Amino acid sequence: MMDTNILDMLDNIGRSSVARRAGVLRAIRGTVLPRRLEFTAANGDVLAIEVSNARVTDVFRVRSGMVPDFETEPREGLIGKLAQLVSDIADAPAPLEFVSLKPDAELEADDVGVTLGEIETACARIELPAEPIVSVVPDVEEPAPQTTDATSAARGFFDSAERFAQARGLIDGGDPQFEGDAALRPDAGLLARFMADLTGWNDDSQSELQQPQLIVMRPSGGKGAAVAVVQDQEQTAIAVHDARKLGAVVGLWTKLSGGDS
């Protein structure tokens, strides 16, 4: 079985706090009938809300602080608090689990609630920090050197990572090539989700990141297994390695990207 830390990191690549907040808002948007939605972070933080017809009509449990009072608080203040609650749970440690439950009581006829549009507008004014576990290291000094053979940055990383990787893989659109510890090889479903997330990330950042990229995923605390990903226009290389080998990863990337001549 694959190491659960690596599984979580691969499963959440590209899913930053901003993306998780979008997921919470998407869950609200998709709720038509009255439901109790509960979002639980890895550290136990919970946001439990009542939603009907894409409107938040009540709050039962929050990450911290007082639960907003829908009956007494001014609407503008309530909108701001709901946006902050959504942002707070999105910024909590991943993964974020979601369940939809039957409401505890029937919705009152006058419970119009706060609309999704109002919450989205308020959320747009709340800046979320970058995902702490994922780092993108693009080659910003100079374009990646053009090679005359078929070797890409990803292929070069895959070939050279053998000296520090516990397991490594190369993906080029066909059957993935994996070598090393079989227990660290992701299954087909996880790999498909990983590549889909990476494609979405590329689409979102295409204008900013056009050169080959190094993506480093480290466990919190800096100990244990880590993942390094190098992607270019042709291929994607994945290396699972001891987190203490980060220097070797960056050194190889610097050499491949032309930063160390």
Protein backbone atom coordinates (compact mmCIF):
# COMPACT_ATOMS: atom_id res chain seq x y z
CA MET A 1 0.00 0.00 0.00
CA MET A 2 1.26 3.48 -0.81
CA ASP A 3 2.58 5.64 2.04
CA THR A 4 -0.43 7.62 3.29
CA ASN A 5 1.54 10.89 3.56
CA ILE A 6 2.52 10.67 -0.10
CA LEU A 7 -1.02 9.64 -1.01
CA ASP A 8 -2.40 12.77 0.67
CA MET A 9 0.16 15.02 -0.96
CA LEU A 10 -0.49 13.66 -4.44
CA ASP A 11 -4.23 13.69 -3.90
CA ASN A 12 -4.16 17.36 -2.92
CA ILE A 13 -1.65 18.75 -5.41
CA GLY A 14 -2.94 22.00 -6.85
CA ARG A 15 -5.74 22.13 -4.29
CA SER A 16 -4.70 25.29 -2.50
CA SER A 17 -6.73 27.10 0.12
CA VAL A 18 -8.28 29.14 -2.70
CA ALA A 19 -9.32 25.96 -4.50
CA ARG A 20 -10.73 24.47 -1.30
CA ARG A 21 -12.74 27.64 -0.68
CA ALA A 22 -14.11 27.36 -4.20
CA GLY A 23 -15.09 23.78 -3.37
CA VAL A 24 -16.99 24.90 -0.25
CA LEU A 25 -18.83 27.53 -2.28
CA ARG A 26 -19.56 24.94 -4.97
CA ALA A 27 -21.13 22.66 -2.35
CA ILE A 28 -23.38 25.52 -1.22
CA ARG A 29 -24.31 26.30 -4.82
CA GLY A 30 -25.30 22.69 -5.48
CA THR A 31 -27.59 22.42 -2.43
CA VAL A 32 -31.23 23.03 -3.37
CA LEU A 33 -33.23 21.17 -0.72
CA PRO A 34 -32.65 22.05 2.96
CA ARG A 35 -29.49 20.28 4.16
CA ARG A 36 -26.91 20.51 6.93
CA LEU A 37 -23.46 20.77 5.34
CA GLU A 38 -20.43 19.88 7.45
CA PHE A 39 -16.84 20.59 6.41
CA THR A 40 -14.15 18.98 8.59
CA ALA A 41 -10.43 19.75 8.29
CA ALA A 42 -7.59 17.36 9.10
CA ASN A 43 -7.02 19.02 12.48
CA GLY A 44 -10.66 18.58 13.54
CA ASP A 45 -11.88 22.10 12.76
CA VAL A 46 -15.51 22.03 11.63
CA LEU A 47 -17.85 24.39 9.83
CA ALA A 48 -21.48 23.21 9.99
CA ILE A 49 -24.10 25.29 8.19
CA GLU A 50 -27.72 24.98 7.11
CA VAL A 51 -28.24 25.56 3.40
CA SER A 52 -31.36 25.72 1.24
CA ASN A 53 -31.67 26.79 -2.38
CA ALA A 54 -28.00 27.86 -2.42
CA ARG A 55 -28.59 30.16 0.58
CA VAL A 56 -27.01 29.83 4.02
CA THR A 57 -29.84 30.00 6.54
CA ASP A 58 -28.04 29.11 9.79
CA VAL A 59 -24.67 28.24 11.31
CA PHE A 60 -24.36 25.46 13.87
CA ARG A 61 -20.63 25.08 14.47
CA VAL A 62 -17.56 27.14 13.59
CA ARG A 63 -13.80 26.73 13.66
CA SER A 64 -13.42 29.23 16.50
CA GLY A 65 -15.25 32.16 18.09
CA MET A 66 -18.96 32.83 18.35
CA VAL A 67 -21.57 31.38 16.02
CA PRO A 68 -23.21 34.19 13.98
CA ASP A 69 -26.76 35.07 15.03
CA PHE A 70 -28.99 35.27 11.97
CA GLU A 71 -31.83 36.88 13.92
CA THR A 72 -30.01 39.82 15.51
CA GLU A 73 -26.93 40.64 13.44
CA PRO A 74 -27.07 43.21 10.59
CA ARG A 75 -27.09 41.58 7.18
CA GLU A 76 -23.82 43.17 6.00
CA GLY A 77 -22.03 41.99 9.13
CA LEU A 78 -23.51 38.52 8.72
CA ILE A 79 -22.33 38.30 5.11
CA GLY A 80 -18.81 39.25 6.15
CA LYS A 81 -18.75 36.70 8.95
CA LEU A 82 -19.97 33.90 6.67
CA ALA A 83 -17.30 34.74 4.10
CA GLN A 84 -14.65 34.66 6.83
CA LEU A 85 -15.92 31.31 8.14
CA VAL A 86 -15.78 29.80 4.65
CA SER A 87 -12.26 31.19 4.16
CA ASP A 88 -11.11 29.95 7.58
CA ILE A 89 -12.20 26.36 6.99
CA ALA A 90 -10.67 26.42 3.50
CA ASP A 91 -7.38 27.55 5.03
CA ALA A 92 -7.40 24.78 7.65
CA PRO A 93 -5.09 21.76 7.14
CA ALA A 94 -6.01 19.50 4.22
CA PRO A 95 -7.69 17.23 3.39
CA LEU A 96 -11.09 18.85 3.84
CA GLU A 97 -13.91 16.33 4.26
CA PHE A 98 -17.51 17.16 3.37
CA VAL A 99 -20.81 15.54 4.29
CA SER A 100 -24.39 16.54 3.52
CA LEU A 101 -26.92 15.62 6.20
CA LYS A 102 -30.64 15.91 6.75
CA PRO A 103 -31.37 19.14 8.67
CA ASP A 104 -32.18 18.90 12.37
CA ALA A 105 -35.45 20.79 11.92
CA GLU A 106 -37.68 22.04 9.13
CA LEU A 107 -36.71 25.36 7.60
CA GLU A 108 -38.84 28.28 8.75
CA ALA A 109 -40.82 30.02 6.01
CA ASP A 110 -39.12 33.37 6.67
CA ASP A 111 -35.57 32.00 6.66
CA VAL A 112 -34.44 33.65 3.44
CA GLY A 113 -30.79 33.33 4.42
CA VAL A 114 -27.70 34.83 2.80
CA THR A 115 -27.27 34.20 -0.91
CA LEU A 116 -24.28 32.48 -2.41
CA GLY A 117 -23.56 35.55 -4.54
CA GLU A 118 -23.30 37.73 -1.44
CA ILE A 119 -20.88 35.28 0.19
CA GLU A 120 -18.78 34.93 -2.98
CA THR A 121 -18.45 38.71 -3.30
CA ALA A 122 -17.31 38.99 0.31
CA CYS A 123 -14.90 36.04 -0.09
CA ALA A 124 -13.25 37.78 -3.04
CA ARG A 125 -12.11 40.51 -0.63
CA ILE A 126 -10.45 38.01 1.72
CA GLU A 127 -6.96 37.00 0.61
CA LEU A 128 -5.88 33.48 1.45
CA PRO A 129 -2.24 32.48 2.02
CA ALA A 130 -0.44 30.24 -0.40
CA GLU A 131 -0.55 26.49 0.13
CA PRO A 132 2.31 25.77 2.58
CA ILE A 133 3.09 22.23 1.43
CA VAL A 134 3.55 22.90 -2.30
CA SER A 135 6.31 25.05 -3.80
CA VAL A 136 6.69 25.86 -7.49
CA VAL A 137 10.23 26.69 -8.56
CA PRO A 138 10.14 27.99 -12.16
CA ASP A 139 13.25 28.81 -14.14
CA VAL A 140 12.98 32.61 -14.07
CA GLU A 141 16.63 33.44 -14.77
CA GLU A 142 16.64 32.28 -18.38
CA PRO A 143 14.62 30.03 -20.68
CA ALA A 144 15.28 26.32 -20.42
CA PRO A 145 18.04 25.33 -22.83
CA GLN A 146 16.86 23.96 -26.15
CA THR A 147 18.14 20.44 -26.72
CA THR A 148 18.79 18.89 -30.09
CA ASP A 149 17.72 15.40 -28.99
CA ALA A 150 14.53 14.05 -27.48
CA THR A 151 15.64 14.64 -23.86
CA SER A 152 13.30 16.99 -21.98
CA ALA A 153 13.71 18.54 -18.52
CA ALA A 154 11.33 15.94 -17.12
CA ARG A 155 13.22 13.08 -18.80
CA GLY A 156 16.53 14.40 -17.52
CA PHE A 157 15.14 14.68 -14.00
CA PHE A 158 13.74 11.15 -14.14
CA ASP A 159 17.05 9.70 -15.34
CA SER A 160 19.17 11.53 -12.77
CA ALA A 161 16.80 11.14 -9.81
CA GLU A 162 17.79 7.48 -9.50
CA ARG A 163 20.60 8.45 -7.10
CA PHE A 164 18.27 9.93 -4.45
CA ALA A 165 14.71 8.74 -5.23
CA GLN A 166 13.03 5.85 -3.46
CA ALA A 167 10.65 5.62 -6.39
CA ARG A 168 10.31 7.57 -9.63
CA GLY A 169 7.94 7.80 -12.54
CA LEU A 170 7.77 9.32 -16.01
CA ILE A 171 4.45 10.23 -17.66
CA ASP A 172 4.26 11.29 -21.30
CA GLY A 173 0.68 10.59 -22.30
CA GLY A 174 1.12 6.84 -22.72
CA ASP A 175 1.53 4.17 -20.08
CA PRO A 176 3.34 5.64 -17.05
CA GLN A 177 6.86 4.34 -16.45
CA PHE A 178 7.62 3.67 -12.78
CA GLU A 179 10.74 2.33 -11.10
CA GLY A 180 11.78 1.78 -7.50
CA ASP A 181 9.76 0.82 -4.42
CA ALA A 182 6.47 -0.65 -5.64
CA ALA A 183 4.74 0.37 -2.41
CA LEU A 184 5.19 4.02 -3.39
CA ARG A 185 3.61 3.68 -6.82
CA PRO A 186 0.22 5.48 -7.02
CA ASP A 187 -2.74 3.50 -8.32
CA ALA A 188 -4.35 4.38 -11.64
CA GLY A 189 -7.21 6.35 -10.10
CA LEU A 190 -4.96 8.50 -7.93
CA LEU A 191 -2.57 9.10 -10.82
CA ALA A 192 -5.46 10.20 -13.05
CA ARG A 193 -6.66 12.70 -10.41
CA PHE A 194 -3.12 13.94 -9.94
CA MET A 195 -2.66 14.58 -13.66
CA ALA A 196 -6.09 16.23 -13.91
CA ASP A 197 -5.23 18.58 -11.04
CA LEU A 198 -1.85 19.34 -12.61
CA THR A 199 -3.52 20.11 -15.94
CA GLY A 200 -5.93 22.47 -14.21
CA TRP A 201 -3.04 24.15 -12.43
CA ASN A 202 -1.22 24.58 -15.74
CA ASP A 203 -4.30 26.09 -17.35
CA ASP A 204 -4.67 28.58 -14.49
CA SER A 205 -0.99 29.63 -14.53
CA GLN A 206 -0.20 29.33 -18.23
CA SER A 207 0.54 33.02 -18.66
CA GLU A 208 2.92 33.13 -15.67
CA LEU A 209 4.67 29.76 -15.91
CA GLN A 210 5.64 28.84 -19.46
CA GLN A 211 9.00 27.23 -18.74
CA PRO A 212 9.62 23.82 -17.16
CA GLN A 213 8.64 23.78 -13.48
CA LEU A 214 9.78 22.03 -10.34
CA ILE A 215 7.02 21.33 -7.79
CA VAL A 216 8.17 20.25 -4.34
CA MET A 217 5.79 18.70 -1.79
CA ARG A 218 7.14 18.20 1.71
CA PRO A 219 5.50 16.70 4.81
CA SER A 220 4.78 19.10 7.65
CA GLY A 221 7.70 19.02 10.07
CA GLY A 222 10.21 18.33 7.29
CA LYS A 223 10.64 14.61 8.06
CA GLY A 224 9.47 11.58 6.12
CA ALA A 225 8.80 11.04 2.44
CA ALA A 226 8.51 13.98 0.04
CA VAL A 227 7.54 14.31 -3.62
CA ALA A 228 9.27 16.28 -6.36
CA VAL A 229 7.60 16.80 -9.74
CA VAL A 230 9.21 18.23 -12.87
CA GLN A 231 6.99 19.01 -15.81
CA ASP A 232 7.58 20.52 -19.21
CA GLN A 233 5.59 20.73 -22.41
CA GLU A 234 6.19 17.06 -23.19
CA GLN A 235 6.50 14.97 -20.04
CA THR A 236 6.04 14.86 -16.27
CA ALA A 237 8.54 13.22 -13.92
CA ILE A 238 7.74 12.26 -10.32
CA ALA A 239 10.29 11.35 -7.66
CA VAL A 240 9.46 10.14 -4.14
CA HIS A 241 12.40 10.80 -1.84
CA ASP A 242 13.42 11.35 1.76
CA ALA A 243 12.58 14.94 2.73
CA ARG A 244 16.19 15.42 3.81
CA LYS A 245 17.25 14.99 0.17
CA LEU A 246 15.66 18.31 -0.87
CA GLY A 247 19.12 19.76 -1.51
CA ALA A 248 19.82 17.04 -4.06
CA VAL A 249 16.48 17.75 -5.76
CA VAL A 250 17.14 21.48 -6.03
CA GLY A 251 20.72 20.87 -7.13
CA LEU A 252 19.58 18.60 -9.96
CA TRP A 253 16.88 21.09 -10.97
CA THR A 254 19.43 23.93 -11.05
CA LYS A 255 21.67 21.89 -13.32
CA LEU A 256 18.83 20.90 -15.66
CA SER A 257 17.44 24.44 -15.90
CA GLY A 258 20.81 25.94 -16.78
CA GLY A 259 21.30 27.81 -13.52
CA ASP A 260 24.62 26.03 -12.78
CA SER A 261 26.96 26.07 -15.70
